Amino acid sequence: MNNLLRNTISASKWAIITMFLIMIIILGACSTKRHIIKEPLKEAGAAYLLEELAVNELQFSWFSARFSIDYIYDKKFTEFRGQIRIRKDSIIWLSFSPALGIEMARLKITNDSVFFMNRINKTCLRGDYRFINEYLQTNIDFDILQSLIIGNDFQFYEKSKFRASVDSWEYKLSTSERRKLKKFVKHDETDAKAFYQNIWLNPENFKITRVNIKEITNDKKLNAYYSDFKDHKGQLFPFDIVFEIMADEKITVKVNYSRIRIDEPLSFPFSIPSKYKRIY
């Protein structure tokens, strides 16, 4: 009985020692990983991350995909399906359908205009970005919208004021005042849209995993989360995206992409029947 007790105590000691050694190895590995991640930031800082981000962004002239969307607003859930087409820096075109597959709405967005038609109630609108901003309760332009849809950084906004850090094993770029580059500010834009922004990057492939935007003049926030990255002809693309808009009410939009096509020329059909009632 005494031998059995001694053996049990001995086995327990070895188990404790083994677990202790495993913890040391894990913590050591984490420390090494963190050191490796931090190392490039010591000399180059944010410039290093911005350069790697640009190199690894989705490169395209034409983009199309199928999608499914879960839209949640005021605790109400709506599901859409459809397709999206983009000609870079020019047109974003979307077609929305319910589960039955019959098109119920179509949307075309250009650099300065928004066109929308609802086939269910036979209404349409032709306007500017006030429609999108009122609907999403935020303030965006074509560059921001295009970038958020595909998981790239904004092209026409300054990059000189970013700070670089490491956050939860990812790189993080932060700026307290990001503005549109002056050469891209249109004469009718009131303020070049200054805002706070954080960008999180995967340290292995430098793809954006999360974006946080907060407008300086109010409490409106937008979060975007990118996941399920898959290789498409040598480029990584996030097939799952979640957008959270926090304004007067919280809006959540969950997007799942499929049937990605890149650099295949596209058409953007948009013809509003004469009998449709204009609402905006």
Protein backbone atom coordinates (compact mmCIF):
# COMPACT_ATOMS: atom_id res chain seq x y z
CA MET A 1 0.00 0.00 0.00
CA ASN A 2 2.86 2.36 0.89
CA ASN A 3 4.62 1.55 -2.41
CA LEU A 4 1.43 2.29 -4.32
CA LEU A 5 1.07 5.62 -2.53
CA ARG A 6 4.69 6.54 -3.21
CA ASN A 7 4.32 5.63 -6.90
CA THR A 8 1.14 7.70 -7.17
CA ILE A 9 2.83 10.74 -5.58
CA SER A 10 5.86 10.27 -7.84
CA ALA A 11 3.66 10.06 -10.93
CA SER A 12 1.85 13.23 -9.86
CA LYS A 13 5.16 15.07 -9.46
CA TRP A 14 6.28 14.02 -12.94
CA ALA A 15 2.94 15.13 -14.38
CA ILE A 16 3.34 18.56 -12.75
CA ILE A 17 6.95 18.85 -13.98
CA THR A 18 5.90 17.80 -17.50
CA MET A 19 3.07 20.37 -17.60
CA PHE A 20 5.46 23.04 -16.30
CA LEU A 21 7.98 22.27 -19.05
CA ILE A 22 5.26 22.36 -21.70
CA MET A 23 4.13 25.78 -20.47
CA ILE A 24 7.73 27.07 -20.62
CA ILE A 25 8.07 25.81 -24.21
CA ILE A 26 4.77 27.39 -25.25
CA LEU A 27 5.55 30.72 -23.61
CA GLY A 28 9.01 30.66 -25.14
CA ALA A 29 7.58 30.01 -28.57
CA CYS A 30 5.08 32.87 -28.11
CA SER A 31 7.86 35.20 -27.01
CA THR A 32 9.97 34.24 -30.03
CA LYS A 33 7.02 34.72 -32.38
CA ARG A 34 6.27 38.13 -30.90
CA HIS A 35 9.94 39.13 -31.27
CA ILE A 36 9.95 38.03 -34.93
CA ILE A 37 6.77 40.00 -35.61
CA LYS A 38 8.10 43.13 -33.92
CA GLU A 39 11.57 43.03 -35.49
CA PRO A 40 10.71 44.68 -38.87
CA LEU A 41 8.88 47.52 -37.10
CA LYS A 42 11.99 48.68 -35.22
CA GLU A 43 13.61 50.17 -38.31
CA ALA A 44 10.88 50.69 -40.92
CA GLY A 45 7.78 51.05 -38.74
CA ALA A 46 4.49 51.80 -40.48
CA ALA A 47 6.20 52.22 -43.86
CA TYR A 48 7.10 48.52 -43.83
CA LEU A 49 3.51 47.45 -43.14
CA LEU A 50 2.02 49.82 -45.72
CA GLU A 51 4.43 48.56 -48.37
CA GLU A 52 3.62 44.91 -47.63
CA LEU A 53 -0.09 45.70 -47.52
CA ALA A 54 0.06 47.31 -50.96
CA VAL A 55 2.01 44.39 -52.46
CA ASN A 56 -0.46 41.82 -51.15
CA GLU A 57 -3.72 43.63 -51.93
CA LEU A 58 -6.12 42.25 -54.49
CA GLN A 59 -4.97 43.43 -57.90
CA PHE A 60 -7.76 43.71 -60.45
CA SER A 61 -9.32 45.78 -63.20
CA TRP A 62 -12.60 43.84 -63.26
CA PHE A 63 -14.19 41.89 -60.42
CA SER A 64 -17.38 39.85 -60.13
CA ALA A 65 -18.85 37.41 -57.63
CA ARG A 66 -22.02 35.82 -56.34
CA PHE A 67 -22.95 36.64 -52.77
CA SER A 68 -25.37 35.95 -49.96
CA ILE A 69 -26.10 38.65 -47.39
CA ASP A 70 -27.60 38.56 -43.92
CA TYR A 71 -28.82 42.06 -43.02
CA ILE A 72 -29.67 42.70 -39.36
CA TYR A 73 -31.22 45.98 -38.25
CA ASP A 74 -33.31 46.72 -35.16
CA LYS A 75 -33.31 42.98 -34.36
CA LYS A 76 -34.90 42.27 -37.75
CA PHE A 77 -33.19 39.75 -40.02
CA THR A 78 -33.32 39.91 -43.83
CA GLU A 79 -31.55 37.59 -46.26
CA PHE A 80 -30.50 38.50 -49.79
CA ARG A 81 -28.68 36.78 -52.61
CA GLY A 82 -27.26 38.30 -55.72
CA GLN A 83 -24.22 39.25 -57.72
CA ILE A 84 -21.71 42.08 -57.74
CA ARG A 85 -19.64 43.50 -60.57
CA ILE A 86 -16.90 46.10 -60.27
CA ARG A 87 -14.84 48.03 -62.77
CA LYS A 88 -12.03 49.37 -60.64
CA ASP A 89 -12.35 53.02 -59.62
CA SER A 90 -15.33 53.43 -61.91
CA ILE A 91 -18.50 51.37 -61.30
CA ILE A 92 -19.96 49.10 -58.65
CA TRP A 93 -23.03 47.19 -59.83
CA LEU A 94 -25.21 44.93 -57.65
CA SER A 95 -28.26 42.79 -58.30
CA PHE A 96 -30.34 41.59 -55.32
CA SER A 97 -32.67 38.60 -55.22
CA PRO A 98 -34.66 36.86 -52.48
CA ALA A 99 -34.37 33.11 -51.90
CA LEU A 100 -36.58 32.34 -54.94
CA GLY A 101 -33.99 33.88 -57.24
CA ILE A 102 -36.13 36.52 -58.99
CA GLU A 103 -34.35 39.88 -59.09
CA MET A 104 -36.03 42.37 -56.79
CA ALA A 105 -33.60 45.31 -56.95
CA ARG A 106 -30.59 46.65 -58.82
CA LEU A 107 -27.99 49.20 -57.74
CA LYS A 108 -25.29 51.01 -59.71
CA ILE A 109 -22.74 53.25 -58.02
CA THR A 110 -20.24 55.51 -59.77
CA ASN A 111 -17.71 57.97 -58.41
CA ASP A 112 -20.34 60.62 -57.83
CA SER A 113 -23.79 59.06 -58.38
CA VAL A 114 -26.11 56.35 -57.15
CA PHE A 115 -28.80 54.65 -59.25
CA PHE A 116 -31.31 52.26 -57.70
CA MET A 117 -34.47 50.53 -58.86
CA ASN A 118 -36.91 48.38 -56.91
CA ARG A 119 -38.66 45.90 -59.17
CA ILE A 120 -41.13 44.90 -56.46
CA ASN A 121 -42.82 48.28 -56.00
CA LYS A 122 -41.63 49.76 -59.31
CA THR A 123 -39.73 52.71 -57.86
CA CYS A 124 -36.32 54.18 -58.63
CA LEU A 125 -33.88 56.87 -57.60
CA ARG A 126 -31.03 58.80 -59.13
CA GLY A 127 -28.92 60.76 -56.74
CA ASP A 128 -25.60 61.21 -55.01
CA TYR A 129 -23.98 59.56 -51.99
CA ARG A 130 -26.51 61.02 -49.59
CA PHE A 131 -28.71 57.99 -50.33
CA ILE A 132 -26.05 55.48 -49.28
CA ASN A 133 -24.95 57.51 -46.29
CA GLU A 134 -28.51 57.96 -45.03
CA TYR A 135 -29.22 54.25 -45.52
CA LEU A 136 -26.05 53.08 -43.78
CA GLN A 137 -26.06 55.97 -41.29
CA THR A 138 -22.44 56.77 -42.06
CA ASN A 139 -20.33 58.87 -44.44
CA ILE A 140 -18.41 57.14 -47.24
CA ASP A 141 -17.31 57.70 -50.84
CA PHE A 142 -16.59 55.43 -53.81
CA ASP A 143 -12.98 54.72 -52.79
CA ILE A 144 -13.97 53.68 -49.26
CA LEU A 145 -16.90 51.59 -50.47
CA GLN A 146 -14.87 49.75 -53.13
CA SER A 147 -12.02 49.06 -50.70
CA LEU A 148 -14.29 47.73 -47.96
CA ILE A 149 -16.09 45.41 -50.39
CA ILE A 150 -12.90 43.65 -51.53
CA GLY A 151 -10.71 44.00 -48.42
CA ASN A 152 -8.15 46.51 -49.71
CA ASP A 153 -6.92 49.73 -48.14
CA PHE A 154 -8.21 53.10 -49.35
CA GLN A 155 -6.27 54.25 -52.41
CA PHE A 156 -6.87 57.98 -52.37
CA TYR A 157 -6.30 58.75 -48.70
CA GLU A 158 -3.05 59.83 -47.06
CA LYS A 159 -0.80 57.18 -45.52
CA SER A 160 1.85 59.31 -43.82
CA LYS A 161 0.34 59.52 -40.32
CA PHE A 162 0.03 55.83 -39.45
CA ARG A 163 1.63 54.30 -36.37
CA ALA A 164 2.64 50.62 -36.31
CA SER A 165 2.29 48.16 -33.45
CA VAL A 166 1.57 44.51 -32.63
CA ASP A 167 -1.84 43.58 -31.24
CA SER A 168 -2.86 39.98 -30.40
CA TRP A 169 -0.25 38.48 -32.76
CA GLU A 170 -1.31 40.72 -35.64
CA TYR A 171 0.15 43.91 -37.03
CA LYS A 172 -1.86 47.04 -36.36
CA LEU A 173 -1.81 50.34 -38.22
CA SER A 174 -3.42 53.31 -36.46
CA THR A 175 -4.06 56.93 -37.35
CA SER A 176 -5.98 59.63 -35.52
CA GLU A 177 -6.62 61.75 -38.60
CA ARG A 178 -6.85 60.25 -42.05
CA ARG A 179 -7.83 62.59 -44.86
CA LYS A 180 -8.40 62.32 -48.56
CA LEU A 181 -5.43 63.36 -50.67
CA LYS A 182 -5.96 66.92 -51.90
CA LYS A 183 -5.60 66.03 -55.57
CA PHE A 184 -8.60 63.69 -55.26
CA VAL A 185 -10.87 66.07 -53.35
CA LYS A 186 -13.72 67.27 -55.53
CA HIS A 187 -14.87 70.88 -55.52
CA ASP A 188 -18.21 69.99 -53.90
CA GLU A 189 -16.73 67.96 -51.02
CA THR A 190 -16.96 69.92 -47.78
CA ASP A 191 -14.13 68.35 -45.83
CA ALA A 192 -11.97 65.53 -47.24
CA LYS A 193 -13.54 63.19 -44.68
CA ALA A 194 -11.17 63.10 -41.72
CA PHE A 195 -11.54 60.09 -39.43
CA TYR A 196 -9.79 57.77 -37.00
CA GLN A 197 -8.78 54.41 -38.46
CA ASN A 198 -7.23 51.14 -37.29
CA ILE A 199 -6.18 48.35 -39.64
CA TRP A 200 -5.18 44.85 -38.49
CA LEU A 201 -2.96 42.70 -40.76
CA ASN A 202 -2.21 39.00 -40.78
CA PRO A 203 1.60 38.84 -40.15
CA GLU A 204 2.01 35.92 -42.57
CA ASN A 205 0.29 37.28 -45.68
CA PHE A 206 -0.36 40.97 -44.79
CA LYS A 207 -4.02 40.71 -45.74
CA ILE A 208 -6.43 42.94 -43.85
CA THR A 209 -8.32 40.99 -41.19
CA ARG A 210 -10.13 43.90 -39.58
CA VAL A 211 -10.77 47.60 -40.15
CA ASN A 212 -12.15 50.11 -37.67
CA ILE A 213 -13.26 53.60 -38.69
CA LYS A 214 -14.62 56.33 -36.44
CA GLU A 215 -15.73 59.70 -37.68
CA ILE A 216 -14.08 62.57 -35.82
CA THR A 217 -17.16 64.79 -35.60
CA ASN A 218 -19.54 62.24 -34.08
CA ASP A 219 -19.77 58.77 -32.53
CA LYS A 220 -20.45 56.82 -35.73
CA LYS A 221 -18.25 53.76 -36.12
CA LEU A 222 -17.75 51.11 -38.77
CA ASN A 223 -16.05 47.77 -38.23
CA ALA A 224 -15.22 45.31 -40.99
CA TYR A 225 -13.99 41.75 -40.35
CA TYR A 226 -12.40 39.63 -43.10
CA SER A 227 -12.00 35.85 -42.93
CA ASP A 228 -12.06 32.57 -44.88
CA PHE A 229 -9.22 33.64 -47.19
CA LYS A 230 -8.87 31.45 -50.26
CA ASP A 231 -6.45 31.46 -53.14
CA HIS A 232 -7.87 32.63 -56.46
CA LYS A 233 -5.38 32.51 -59.32
CA GLY A 234 -2.48 33.33 -57.01
CA GLN A 235 -4.26 35.98 -54.95
CA LEU A 236 -5.83 35.63 -51.53
CA PHE A 237 -9.39 36.88 -51.18
CA PRO A 238 -11.70 36.98 -48.10
CA PHE A 239 -14.84 35.00 -48.87
CA ASP A 240 -16.51 36.03 -45.58
CA ILE A 241 -16.93 39.65 -44.49
CA VAL A 242 -18.89 41.12 -41.60
CA PHE A 243 -19.69 44.83 -41.45
CA GLU A 244 -20.91 46.53 -38.28
CA ILE A 245 -22.19 50.09 -38.46
CA MET A 246 -22.79 51.77 -35.10
CA ALA A 247 -24.83 54.96 -35.38
CA ASP A 248 -28.29 55.72 -34.01
CA GLU A 249 -28.95 51.99 -34.38
CA LYS A 250 -26.58 49.10 -35.00
CA ILE A 251 -26.57 47.58 -38.48
CA THR A 252 -24.85 44.25 -39.16
CA VAL A 253 -24.22 42.99 -42.69
CA LYS A 254 -22.75 39.51 -43.16
CA VAL A 255 -21.45 38.79 -46.67
CA ASN A 256 -20.43 35.42 -48.09
CA TYR A 257 -18.87 35.42 -51.57
CA SER A 258 -18.76 32.62 -54.13
CA ARG A 259 -17.89 32.23 -57.83
CA ILE A 260 -15.19 34.88 -57.84
CA ARG A 261 -14.04 36.15 -61.23
CA ILE A 262 -11.15 38.58 -61.76
CA ASP A 263 -10.22 40.55 -64.88
CA GLU A 264 -12.98 39.18 -67.09
CA PRO A 265 -14.59 42.18 -68.89
CA LEU A 266 -18.12 42.89 -67.68
CA SER A 267 -21.26 44.76 -68.64
CA PHE A 268 -23.31 46.87 -66.21
CA PRO A 269 -26.89 46.86 -67.53
CA PHE A 270 -29.13 49.42 -65.90
CA SER A 271 -32.24 50.59 -67.67
CA ILE A 272 -35.11 52.03 -65.63
CA PRO A 273 -38.57 51.48 -67.18
CA SER A 274 -40.46 54.70 -67.88
CA LYS A 275 -43.39 53.65 -65.64
CA TYR A 276 -41.22 53.47 -62.51
CA LYS A 277 -41.89 56.20 -59.92
CA ARG A 278 -38.89 58.27 -58.91
CA ILE A 279 -38.61 58.58 -55.12
CA TYR A 280 -35.35 60.54 -54.77
